[in-house]
Amino acid sequence: YSMLLDYLRDYYGLNYIVKLLILGILVGVTYKVMEKIE
């Protein structure tokens, strides 16, 4: 996710704070999905 968001930052001007928020949301959603599967 971090690599994808770096790409968005480089080519689309994504703000650093927005990048961290999106990364936190994506990791949280991934954690919940993995928890449900388990």
PDB file of all heavy atoms in Angstrom:
ATOM      1  N   TYR A   1       0.826  -1.206   0.000  1.00  0.00           N
ATOM      2  CA  TYR A   1       0.000   0.000   0.000  1.00  0.00           C
ATOM      3  C   TYR A   1       0.862   1.259   0.000  1.00  0.00           C
ATOM      4  O   TYR A   1       0.547   2.235  -0.668  1.00  0.00           O
ATOM      5  CB  TYR A   1      -0.927   0.026   1.210  1.00  0.00           C
ATOM      6  CG  TYR A   1      -1.981  -1.049   1.238  1.00  0.00           C
ATOM      7  CD1 TYR A   1      -2.456  -1.543   2.446  1.00  0.00           C
ATOM      8  CD2 TYR A   1      -2.517  -1.571   0.074  1.00  0.00           C
ATOM      9  CE1 TYR A   1      -3.428  -2.523   2.486  1.00  0.00           C
ATOM     10  CE2 TYR A   1      -3.491  -2.548   0.107  1.00  0.00           C
ATOM     11  CZ  TYR A   1      -3.940  -3.019   1.318  1.00  0.00           C
ATOM     12  OH  TYR A   1      -4.905  -3.980   1.358  1.00  0.00           O
ATOM     13  N   SER A   2       1.951   1.227   0.761  1.00  0.00           N
ATOM     14  CA  SER A   2       2.834   2.390   0.835  1.00  0.00           C
ATOM     15  C   SER A   2       3.474   2.687  -0.519  1.00  0.00           C
ATOM     16  O   SER A   2       3.581   3.849  -0.918  1.00  0.00           O
ATOM     17  CB  SER A   2       3.909   2.147   1.889  1.00  0.00           C
ATOM     18  OG  SER A   2       4.778   3.232   1.959  1.00  0.00           O
ATOM     19  N   MET A   3       3.877   1.630  -1.215  1.00  0.00           N
ATOM     20  CA  MET A   3       4.463   1.840  -2.546  1.00  0.00           C
ATOM     21  C   MET A   3       3.436   2.415  -3.512  1.00  0.00           C
ATOM     22  O   MET A   3       3.744   3.318  -4.299  1.00  0.00           O
ATOM     23  CB  MET A   3       5.027   0.528  -3.092  1.00  0.00           C
ATOM     24  CG  MET A   3       6.295   0.093  -2.412  1.00  0.00           C
ATOM     25  SD  MET A   3       7.111  -1.320  -3.165  1.00  0.00           S
ATOM     26  CE  MET A   3       5.873  -2.574  -3.078  1.00  0.00           C
ATOM     27  N   LEU A   4       2.206   1.923  -3.471  1.00  0.00           N
ATOM     28  CA  LEU A   4       1.160   2.466  -4.333  1.00  0.00           C
ATOM     29  C   LEU A   4       0.859   3.925  -4.006  1.00  0.00           C
ATOM     30  O   LEU A   4       0.669   4.747  -4.909  1.00  0.00           O
ATOM     31  CB  LEU A   4      -0.112   1.627  -4.209  1.00  0.00           C
ATOM     32  CG  LEU A   4      -0.055   0.234  -4.818  1.00  0.00           C
ATOM     33  CD1 LEU A   4      -1.322  -0.527  -4.471  1.00  0.00           C
ATOM     34  CD2 LEU A   4       0.124   0.310  -6.310  1.00  0.00           C
ATOM     35  N   LEU A   5       0.840   4.261  -2.733  1.00  0.00           N
ATOM     36  CA  LEU A   5       0.572   5.638  -2.344  1.00  0.00           C
ATOM     37  C   LEU A   5       1.739   6.559  -2.684  1.00  0.00           C
ATOM     38  O   LEU A   5       1.535   7.737  -2.981  1.00  0.00           O
ATOM     39  CB  LEU A   5       0.228   5.709  -0.853  1.00  0.00           C
ATOM     40  CG  LEU A   5      -1.127   5.093  -0.497  1.00  0.00           C
ATOM     41  CD1 LEU A   5      -1.289   5.014   1.002  1.00  0.00           C
ATOM     42  CD2 LEU A   5      -2.258   5.860  -1.131  1.00  0.00           C
ATOM     43  N   ASP A   6       2.975   6.043  -2.656  1.00  0.00           N
ATOM     44  CA  ASP A   6       4.119   6.838  -3.121  1.00  0.00           C
ATOM     45  C   ASP A   6       3.987   7.149  -4.601  1.00  0.00           C
ATOM     46  O   ASP A   6       4.318   8.253  -5.043  1.00  0.00           O
ATOM     47  CB  ASP A   6       5.435   6.105  -2.867  1.00  0.00           C
ATOM     48  CG  ASP A   6       5.920   6.262  -1.447  1.00  0.00           C
ATOM     49  OD1 ASP A   6       5.474   7.224  -0.781  1.00  0.00           O
ATOM     50  OD2 ASP A   6       6.736   5.439  -1.014  1.00  0.00           O
ATOM     51  N   TYR A   7       3.516   6.187  -5.365  1.00  0.00           N
ATOM     52  CA  TYR A   7       3.284   6.422  -6.788  1.00  0.00           C
ATOM     53  C   TYR A   7       2.253   7.536  -6.976  1.00  0.00           C
ATOM     54  O   TYR A   7       2.440   8.433  -7.798  1.00  0.00           O
ATOM     55  CB  TYR A   7       2.812   5.129  -7.458  1.00  0.00           C
ATOM     56  CG  TYR A   7       2.380   5.312  -8.888  1.00  0.00           C
ATOM     57  CD1 TYR A   7       3.324   5.384  -9.903  1.00  0.00           C
ATOM     58  CD2 TYR A   7       1.034   5.424  -9.217  1.00  0.00           C
ATOM     59  CE1 TYR A   7       2.933   5.565 -11.223  1.00  0.00           C
ATOM     60  CE2 TYR A   7       0.632   5.602 -10.522  1.00  0.00           C
ATOM     61  CZ  TYR A   7       1.585   5.668 -11.525  1.00  0.00           C
ATOM     62  OH  TYR A   7       1.191   5.853 -12.819  1.00  0.00           O
ATOM     63  N   LEU A   8       1.163   7.469  -6.209  1.00  0.00           N
ATOM     64  CA  LEU A   8       0.138   8.508  -6.302  1.00  0.00           C
ATOM     65  C   LEU A   8       0.688   9.869  -5.884  1.00  0.00           C
ATOM     66  O   LEU A   8       0.342  10.890  -6.466  1.00  0.00           O
ATOM     67  CB  LEU A   8      -1.063   8.151  -5.429  1.00  0.00           C
ATOM     68  CG  LEU A   8      -1.928   7.001  -5.904  1.00  0.00           C
ATOM     69  CD1 LEU A   8      -3.008   6.704  -4.882  1.00  0.00           C
ATOM     70  CD2 LEU A   8      -2.535   7.300  -7.256  1.00  0.00           C
ATOM     71  N   ARG A   9       1.556   9.880  -4.872  1.00  0.00           N
ATOM     72  CA  ARG A   9       2.142  11.135  -4.430  1.00  0.00           C
ATOM     73  C   ARG A   9       3.039  11.734  -5.509  1.00  0.00           C
ATOM     74  O   ARG A   9       2.995  12.934  -5.770  1.00  0.00           O
ATOM     75  CB  ARG A   9       2.948  10.917  -3.152  1.00  0.00           C
ATOM     76  CG  ARG A   9       3.474  12.224  -2.559  1.00  0.00           C
ATOM     77  CD  ARG A   9       4.517  11.991  -1.521  1.00  0.00           C
ATOM     78  NE  ARG A   9       5.675  11.409  -2.196  1.00  0.00           N
ATOM     79  CZ  ARG A   9       6.638  10.756  -1.585  1.00  0.00           C
ATOM     80  NH1 ARG A   9       6.594  10.571  -0.296  1.00  0.00           N
ATOM     81  NH2 ARG A   9       7.652  10.261  -2.252  1.00  0.00           N
ATOM     82  N   ASP A  10       3.816  10.893  -6.150  1.00  0.00           N
ATOM     83  CA  ASP A  10       4.757  11.382  -7.163  1.00  0.00           C
ATOM     84  C   ASP A  10       4.057  11.886  -8.414  1.00  0.00           C
ATOM     85  O   ASP A  10       4.448  12.907  -8.975  1.00  0.00           O
ATOM     86  CB  ASP A  10       5.751  10.284  -7.540  1.00  0.00           C
ATOM     87  CG  ASP A  10       6.704   9.953  -6.400  1.00  0.00           C
ATOM     88  OD1 ASP A  10       6.826  10.782  -5.477  1.00  0.00           O
ATOM     89  OD2 ASP A  10       7.305   8.862  -6.439  1.00  0.00           O
ATOM     90  N   TYR A  11       3.046  11.184  -8.857  1.00  0.00           N
ATOM     91  CA  TYR A  11       2.439  11.526 -10.144  1.00  0.00           C
ATOM     92  C   TYR A  11       1.151  12.342 -10.033  1.00  0.00           C
ATOM     93  O   TYR A  11       0.738  12.951 -11.000  1.00  0.00           O
ATOM     94  CB  TYR A  11       2.171  10.257 -10.951  1.00  0.00           C
ATOM     95  CG  TYR A  11       3.467   9.627 -11.405  1.00  0.00           C
ATOM     96  CD1 TYR A  11       3.981   8.509 -10.756  1.00  0.00           C
ATOM     97  CD2 TYR A  11       4.189  10.168 -12.459  1.00  0.00           C
ATOM     98  CE1 TYR A  11       5.175   7.947 -11.168  1.00  0.00           C
ATOM     99  CE2 TYR A  11       5.387   9.607 -12.864  1.00  0.00           C
ATOM    100  CZ  TYR A  11       5.868   8.500 -12.207  1.00  0.00           C
ATOM    101  OH  TYR A  11       7.053   7.947 -12.600  1.00  0.00           O
ATOM    102  N   TYR A  12       0.511  12.318  -8.858  1.00  0.00           N
ATOM    103  CA  TYR A  12      -0.751  13.035  -8.721  1.00  0.00           C
ATOM    104  C   TYR A  12      -0.745  14.050  -7.578  1.00  0.00           C
ATOM    105  O   TYR A  12      -1.777  14.617  -7.249  1.00  0.00           O
ATOM    106  CB  TYR A  12      -1.917  12.054  -8.532  1.00  0.00           C
ATOM    107  CG  TYR A  12      -2.105  11.165  -9.737  1.00  0.00           C
ATOM    108  CD1 TYR A  12      -1.695   9.847  -9.710  1.00  0.00           C
ATOM    109  CD2 TYR A  12      -2.663  11.673 -10.897  1.00  0.00           C
ATOM    110  CE1 TYR A  12      -1.855   9.035 -10.814  1.00  0.00           C
ATOM    111  CE2 TYR A  12      -2.828  10.871 -12.011  1.00  0.00           C
ATOM    112  CZ  TYR A  12      -2.424   9.552 -11.968  1.00  0.00           C
ATOM    113  OH  TYR A  12      -2.575   8.755 -13.060  1.00  0.00           O
ATOM    114  N   GLY A  13       0.399  14.262  -6.939  1.00  0.00           N
ATOM    115  CA  GLY A  13       0.529  15.283  -5.911  1.00  0.00           C
ATOM    116  C   GLY A  13      -0.219  14.982  -4.629  1.00  0.00           C
ATOM    117  O   GLY A  13      -0.781  15.884  -4.016  1.00  0.00           O
ATOM    118  N   LEU A  14      -0.222  13.734  -4.201  1.00  0.00           N
ATOM    119  CA  LEU A  14      -0.914  13.349  -2.976  1.00  0.00           C
ATOM    120  C   LEU A  14      -0.173  13.915  -1.766  1.00  0.00           C
ATOM    121  O   LEU A  14       1.042  13.798  -1.651  1.00  0.00           O
ATOM    122  CB  LEU A  14      -0.991  11.820  -2.878  1.00  0.00           C
ATOM    123  CG  LEU A  14      -1.833  11.226  -1.779  1.00  0.00           C
ATOM    124  CD1 LEU A  14      -3.302  11.579  -2.007  1.00  0.00           C
ATOM    125  CD2 LEU A  14      -1.665   9.726  -1.738  1.00  0.00           C
ATOM    126  N   ASN A  15      -0.895  14.553  -0.868  1.00  0.00           N
ATOM    127  CA  ASN A  15      -0.333  15.156   0.331  1.00  0.00           C
ATOM    128  C   ASN A  15       0.152  14.057   1.293  1.00  0.00           C
ATOM    129  O   ASN A  15      -0.406  12.965   1.347  1.00  0.00           O
ATOM    130  CB  ASN A  15      -1.425  16.002   0.984  1.00  0.00           C
ATOM    131  CG  ASN A  15      -0.901  16.863   2.090  1.00  0.00           C
ATOM    132  OD1 ASN A  15       0.257  16.760   2.464  1.00  0.00           O
ATOM    133  ND2 ASN A  15      -1.768  17.712   2.603  1.00  0.00           N
ATOM    134  N   TYR A  16       1.189  14.357   2.106  1.00  0.00           N
ATOM    135  CA  TYR A  16       1.756  13.374   3.031  1.00  0.00           C
ATOM    136  C   TYR A  16       0.742  12.960   4.102  1.00  0.00           C
ATOM    137  O   TYR A  16       0.627  11.772   4.420  1.00  0.00           O
ATOM    138  CB  TYR A  16       3.013  13.947   3.688  1.00  0.00           C
ATOM    139  CG  TYR A  16       3.700  12.990   4.621  1.00  0.00           C
ATOM    140  CD1 TYR A  16       4.403  11.900   4.118  1.00  0.00           C
ATOM    141  CD2 TYR A  16       3.632  13.155   5.995  1.00  0.00           C
ATOM    142  CE1 TYR A  16       5.023  11.007   4.967  1.00  0.00           C
ATOM    143  CE2 TYR A  16       4.246  12.272   6.844  1.00  0.00           C
ATOM    144  CZ  TYR A  16       4.950  11.203   6.330  1.00  0.00           C
ATOM    145  OH  TYR A  16       5.545  10.317   7.173  1.00  0.00           O
ATOM    146  N   ILE A  17       0.008  13.920   4.652  1.00  0.00           N
ATOM    147  CA  ILE A  17      -0.982  13.609   5.690  1.00  0.00           C
ATOM    148  C   ILE A  17      -2.098  12.738   5.107  1.00  0.00           C
ATOM    149  O   ILE A  17      -2.530  11.769   5.739  1.00  0.00           O
ATOM    150  CB  ILE A  17      -1.570  14.910   6.287  1.00  0.00           C
ATOM    151  CG1 ILE A  17      -0.480  15.761   6.928  1.00  0.00           C
ATOM    152  CG2 ILE A  17      -2.679  14.607   7.274  1.00  0.00           C
ATOM    153  CD1 ILE A  17       0.233  15.105   8.085  1.00  0.00           C
ATOM    154  N   VAL A  18      -2.529  13.057   3.909  1.00  0.00           N
ATOM    155  CA  VAL A  18      -3.570  12.258   3.248  1.00  0.00           C
ATOM    156  C   VAL A  18      -3.049  10.850   2.986  1.00  0.00           C
ATOM    157  O   VAL A  18      -3.771   9.866   3.164  1.00  0.00           O
ATOM    158  CB  VAL A  18      -4.030  12.933   1.941  1.00  0.00           C
ATOM    159  CG1 VAL A  18      -5.007  12.061   1.190  1.00  0.00           C
ATOM    160  CG2 VAL A  18      -4.632  14.293   2.233  1.00  0.00           C
ATOM    161  N   LYS A  19      -1.779  10.752   2.610  1.00  0.00           N
ATOM    162  CA  LYS A  19      -1.168   9.445   2.372  1.00  0.00           C
ATOM    163  C   LYS A  19      -1.198   8.602   3.646  1.00  0.00           C
ATOM    164  O   LYS A  19      -1.558   7.422   3.610  1.00  0.00           O
ATOM    165  CB  LYS A  19       0.266   9.621   1.898  1.00  0.00           C
ATOM    166  CG  LYS A  19       1.008   8.324   1.722  1.00  0.00           C
ATOM    167  CD  LYS A  19       2.475   8.548   1.465  1.00  0.00           C
ATOM    168  CE  LYS A  19       3.195   7.233   1.588  1.00  0.00           C
ATOM    169  NZ  LYS A  19       4.623   7.368   1.607  1.00  0.00           N
ATOM    170  N   LEU A  20      -0.845   9.204   4.776  1.00  0.00           N
ATOM    171  CA  LEU A  20      -0.857   8.460   6.035  1.00  0.00           C
ATOM    172  C   LEU A  20      -2.268   8.049   6.437  1.00  0.00           C
ATOM    173  O   LEU A  20      -2.480   6.937   6.938  1.00  0.00           O
ATOM    174  CB  LEU A  20      -0.221   9.297   7.144  1.00  0.00           C
ATOM    175  CG  LEU A  20       1.287   9.444   7.077  1.00  0.00           C
ATOM    176  CD1 LEU A  20       1.773  10.329   8.215  1.00  0.00           C
ATOM    177  CD2 LEU A  20       1.978   8.105   7.121  1.00  0.00           C
ATOM    178  N   LEU A  21      -3.234   8.926   6.219  1.00  0.00           N
ATOM    179  CA  LEU A  21      -4.622   8.577   6.544  1.00  0.00           C
ATOM    180  C   LEU A  21      -5.121   7.421   5.687  1.00  0.00           C
ATOM    181  O   LEU A  21      -5.738   6.473   6.192  1.00  0.00           O
ATOM    182  CB  LEU A  21      -5.527   9.793   6.367  1.00  0.00           C
ATOM    183  CG  LEU A  21      -5.392  10.886   7.418  1.00  0.00           C
ATOM    184  CD1 LEU A  21      -6.217  12.102   7.007  1.00  0.00           C
ATOM    185  CD2 LEU A  21      -5.815  10.370   8.770  1.00  0.00           C
ATOM    186  N   ILE A  22      -4.858   7.487   4.393  1.00  0.00           N
ATOM    187  CA  ILE A  22      -5.288   6.406   3.492  1.00  0.00           C
ATOM    188  C   ILE A  22      -4.585   5.107   3.854  1.00  0.00           C
ATOM    189  O   ILE A  22      -5.208   4.033   3.866  1.00  0.00           O
ATOM    190  CB  ILE A  22      -5.039   6.789   2.024  1.00  0.00           C
ATOM    191  CG1 ILE A  22      -5.940   7.953   1.623  1.00  0.00           C
ATOM    192  CG2 ILE A  22      -5.273   5.603   1.103  1.00  0.00           C
ATOM    193  CD1 ILE A  22      -5.635   8.516   0.260  1.00  0.00           C
ATOM    194  N   LEU A  23      -3.294   5.177   4.177  1.00  0.00           N
ATOM    195  CA  LEU A  23      -2.546   3.980   4.550  1.00  0.00           C
ATOM    196  C   LEU A  23      -3.120   3.365   5.821  1.00  0.00           C
ATOM    197  O   LEU A  23      -3.287   2.143   5.906  1.00  0.00           O
ATOM    198  CB  LEU A  23      -1.070   4.325   4.738  1.00  0.00           C
ATOM    199  CG  LEU A  23      -0.130   3.172   5.083  1.00  0.00           C
ATOM    200  CD1 LEU A  23      -0.127   2.157   3.951  1.00  0.00           C
ATOM    201  CD2 LEU A  23       1.264   3.695   5.335  1.00  0.00           C
ATOM    202  N   GLY A  24      -3.437   4.189   6.805  1.00  0.00           N
ATOM    203  CA  GLY A  24      -4.035   3.682   8.039  1.00  0.00           C
ATOM    204  C   GLY A  24      -5.374   3.017   7.798  1.00  0.00           C
ATOM    205  O   GLY A  24      -5.674   1.962   8.370  1.00  0.00           O
ATOM    206  N   ILE A  25      -6.197   3.618   6.954  1.00  0.00           N
ATOM    207  CA  ILE A  25      -7.510   3.044   6.638  1.00  0.00           C
ATOM    208  C   ILE A  25      -7.349   1.714   5.904  1.00  0.00           C
ATOM    209  O   ILE A  25      -8.019   0.725   6.240  1.00  0.00           O
ATOM    210  CB  ILE A  25      -8.350   4.038   5.824  1.00  0.00           C
ATOM    211  CG1 ILE A  25      -8.745   5.229   6.703  1.00  0.00           C
ATOM    212  CG2 ILE A  25      -9.581   3.363   5.238  1.00  0.00           C
ATOM    213  CD1 ILE A  25      -9.343   6.379   5.947  1.00  0.00           C
ATOM    214  N   LEU A  26      -6.463   1.667   4.924  1.00  0.00           N
ATOM    215  CA  LEU A  26      -6.265   0.427   4.168  1.00  0.00           C
ATOM    216  C   LEU A  26      -5.733  -0.697   5.049  1.00  0.00           C
ATOM    217  O   LEU A  26      -6.186  -1.844   4.947  1.00  0.00           O
ATOM    218  CB  LEU A  26      -5.307   0.668   2.997  1.00  0.00           C
ATOM    219  CG  LEU A  26      -5.847   1.456   1.819  1.00  0.00           C
ATOM    220  CD1 LEU A  26      -4.735   1.752   0.825  1.00  0.00           C
ATOM    221  CD2 LEU A  26      -6.971   0.708   1.146  1.00  0.00           C
ATOM    222  N   VAL A  27      -4.784  -0.391   5.920  1.00  0.00           N
ATOM    223  CA  VAL A  27      -4.237  -1.421   6.798  1.00  0.00           C
ATOM    224  C   VAL A  27      -5.300  -1.882   7.802  1.00  0.00           C
ATOM    225  O   VAL A  27      -5.417  -3.074   8.088  1.00  0.00           O
ATOM    226  CB  VAL A  27      -2.968  -0.906   7.516  1.00  0.00           C
ATOM    227  CG1 VAL A  27      -2.543  -1.845   8.625  1.00  0.00           C
ATOM    228  CG2 VAL A  27      -1.840  -0.737   6.515  1.00  0.00           C
ATOM    229  N   GLY A  28      -6.099  -0.956   8.311  1.00  0.00           N
ATOM    230  CA  GLY A  28      -7.174  -1.330   9.232  1.00  0.00           C
ATOM    231  C   GLY A  28      -8.204  -2.228   8.582  1.00  0.00           C
ATOM    232  O   GLY A  28      -8.640  -3.220   9.175  1.00  0.00           O
ATOM    233  N   VAL A  29      -8.601  -1.904   7.370  1.00  0.00           N
ATOM    234  CA  VAL A  29      -9.571  -2.728   6.646  1.00  0.00           C
ATOM    235  C   VAL A  29      -8.976  -4.099   6.352  1.00  0.00           C
ATOM    236  O   VAL A  29      -9.648  -5.129   6.513  1.00  0.00           O
ATOM    237  CB  VAL A  29     -10.015  -2.018   5.348  1.00  0.00           C
ATOM    238  CG1 VAL A  29     -10.776  -2.954   4.443  1.00  0.00           C
ATOM    239  CG2 VAL A  29     -10.854  -0.792   5.682  1.00  0.00           C
ATOM    240  N   THR A  30      -7.715  -4.134   5.956  1.00  0.00           N
ATOM    241  CA  THR A  30      -7.054  -5.413   5.686  1.00  0.00           C
ATOM    242  C   THR A  30      -7.004  -6.268   6.947  1.00  0.00           C
ATOM    243  O   THR A  30      -7.242  -7.477   6.900  1.00  0.00           O
ATOM    244  CB  THR A  30      -5.631  -5.174   5.148  1.00  0.00           C
ATOM    245  OG1 THR A  30      -5.711  -4.368   3.986  1.00  0.00           O
ATOM    246  CG2 THR A  30      -4.942  -6.475   4.815  1.00  0.00           C
ATOM    247  N   TYR A  31      -6.702  -5.648   8.087  1.00  0.00           N
ATOM    248  CA  TYR A  31      -6.650  -6.378   9.350  1.00  0.00           C
ATOM    249  C   TYR A  31      -8.014  -6.982   9.693  1.00  0.00           C
ATOM    250  O   TYR A  31      -8.102  -8.147  10.088  1.00  0.00           O
ATOM    251  CB  TYR A  31      -6.184  -5.441  10.470  1.00  0.00           C
ATOM    252  CG  TYR A  31      -6.075  -6.117  11.803  1.00  0.00           C
ATOM    253  CD1 TYR A  31      -4.951  -6.879  12.120  1.00  0.00           C
ATOM    254  CD2 TYR A  31      -7.078  -6.008  12.757  1.00  0.00           C
ATOM    255  CE1 TYR A  31      -4.840  -7.510  13.339  1.00  0.00           C
ATOM    256  CE2 TYR A  31      -6.978  -6.639  13.974  1.00  0.00           C
ATOM    257  CZ  TYR A  31      -5.858  -7.387  14.268  1.00  0.00           C
ATOM    258  OH  TYR A  31      -5.758  -8.017  15.469  1.00  0.00           O
ATOM    259  N   LYS A  32      -9.072  -6.203   9.530  1.00  0.00           N
ATOM    260  CA  LYS A  32     -10.411  -6.701   9.839  1.00  0.00           C
ATOM    261  C   LYS A  32     -10.815  -7.840   8.906  1.00  0.00           C
ATOM    262  O   LYS A  32     -11.433  -8.820   9.333  1.00  0.00           O
ATOM    263  CB  LYS A  32     -11.443  -5.570   9.755  1.00  0.00           C
ATOM    264  CG  LYS A  32     -11.363  -4.623  10.907  1.00  0.00           C
ATOM    265  CD  LYS A  32     -11.719  -5.361  12.185  1.00  0.00           C
ATOM    266  CE  LYS A  32     -11.711  -4.406  13.354  1.00  0.00           C
ATOM    267  NZ  LYS A  32     -12.011  -5.079  14.617  1.00  0.00           N
ATOM    268  N   VAL A  33     -10.487  -7.728   7.631  1.00  0.00           N
ATOM    269  CA  VAL A  33     -10.809  -8.796   6.674  1.00  0.00           C
ATOM    270  C   VAL A  33     -10.070 -10.074   7.039  1.00  0.00           C
ATOM    271  O   VAL A  33     -10.645 -11.168   7.045  1.00  0.00           O
ATOM    272  CB  VAL A  33     -10.488  -8.350   5.228  1.00  0.00           C
ATOM    273  CG1 VAL A  33     -10.514  -9.514   4.270  1.00  0.00           C
ATOM    274  CG2 VAL A  33     -11.446  -7.260   4.783  1.00  0.00           C
ATOM    275  N   MET A  34      -8.785  -9.944   7.368  1.00  0.00           N
ATOM    276  CA  MET A  34      -8.009 -11.125   7.746  1.00  0.00           C
ATOM    277  C   MET A  34      -8.537 -11.729   9.045  1.00  0.00           C
ATOM    278  O   MET A  34      -8.547 -12.953   9.202  1.00  0.00           O
ATOM    279  CB  MET A  34      -6.534 -10.761   7.870  1.00  0.00           C
ATOM    280  CG  MET A  34      -5.891 -10.465   6.539  1.00  0.00           C
ATOM    281  SD  MET A  34      -4.217  -9.887   6.674  1.00  0.00           S
ATOM    282  CE  MET A  34      -3.442 -11.283   7.418  1.00  0.00           C
ATOM    283  N   GLU A  35      -8.987 -10.897   9.975  1.00  0.00           N
ATOM    284  CA  GLU A  35      -9.552 -11.373  11.223  1.00  0.00           C
ATOM    285  C   GLU A  35     -10.834 -12.172  10.976  1.00  0.00           C
ATOM    286  O   GLU A  35     -11.039 -13.231  11.570  1.00  0.00           O
ATOM    287  CB  GLU A  35      -9.833 -10.169  12.118  1.00  0.00           C
ATOM    288  CG  GLU A  35     -10.038 -10.477  13.559  1.00  0.00           C
ATOM    289  CD  GLU A  35     -10.154  -9.204  14.370  1.00  0.00           C
ATOM    290  OE1 GLU A  35     -11.118  -8.445  14.137  1.00  0.00           O
ATOM    291  OE2 GLU A  35      -9.272  -8.970  15.205  1.00  0.00           O
ATOM    292  N   LYS A  36     -11.686 -11.679  10.087  1.00  0.00           N
ATOM    293  CA  LYS A  36     -12.924 -12.395   9.770  1.00  0.00           C
ATOM    294  C   LYS A  36     -12.636 -13.728   9.088  1.00  0.00           C
ATOM    295  O   LYS A  36     -13.289 -14.731   9.366  1.00  0.00           O
ATOM    296  CB  LYS A  36     -13.825 -11.536   8.888  1.00  0.00           C
ATOM    297  CG  LYS A  36     -14.491 -10.434   9.651  1.00  0.00           C
ATOM    298  CD  LYS A  36     -15.472  -9.690   8.795  1.00  0.00           C
ATOM    299  CE  LYS A  36     -16.127  -8.596   9.616  1.00  0.00           C
ATOM    300  NZ  LYS A  36     -17.233  -7.965   8.925  1.00  0.00           N
ATOM    301  N   ILE A  37     -11.665 -13.750   8.188  1.00  0.00           N
ATOM    302  CA  ILE A  37     -11.296 -14.993   7.516  1.00  0.00           C
ATOM    303  C   ILE A  37     -10.776 -16.005   8.529  1.00  0.00           C
ATOM    304  O   ILE A  37     -11.118 -17.188   8.490  1.00  0.00           O
ATOM    305  CB  ILE A  37     -10.259 -14.723   6.405  1.00  0.00           C
ATOM    306  CG1 ILE A  37     -10.904 -13.954   5.261  1.00  0.00           C
ATOM    307  CG2 ILE A  37      -9.638 -16.018   5.903  1.00  0.00           C
ATOM    308  CD1 ILE A  37      -9.927 -13.459   4.224  1.00  0.00           C
ATOM    309  N   GLU A  38      -9.957 -15.532   9.467  1.00  0.00           N
ATOM    310  CA  GLU A  38      -9.416 -16.426  10.486  1.00  0.00           C
ATOM    311  C   GLU A  38     -10.532 -16.966  11.386  1.00  0.00           C
ATOM    312  O   GLU A  38     -10.528 -18.146  11.740  1.00  0.00           O
ATOM    313  CB  GLU A  38      -8.390 -15.673  11.332  1.00  0.00           C
ATOM    314  CG  GLU A  38      -7.676 -16.542  12.336  1.00  0.00           C
ATOM    315  CD  GLU A  38      -6.591 -15.785  13.064  1.00  0.00           C
ATOM    316  OE1 GLU A  38      -5.951 -14.927  12.449  1.00  0.00           O
ATOM    317  OE2 GLU A  38      -6.406 -16.067  14.259  1.00  0.00           O
TER     318      GLU A  38
END
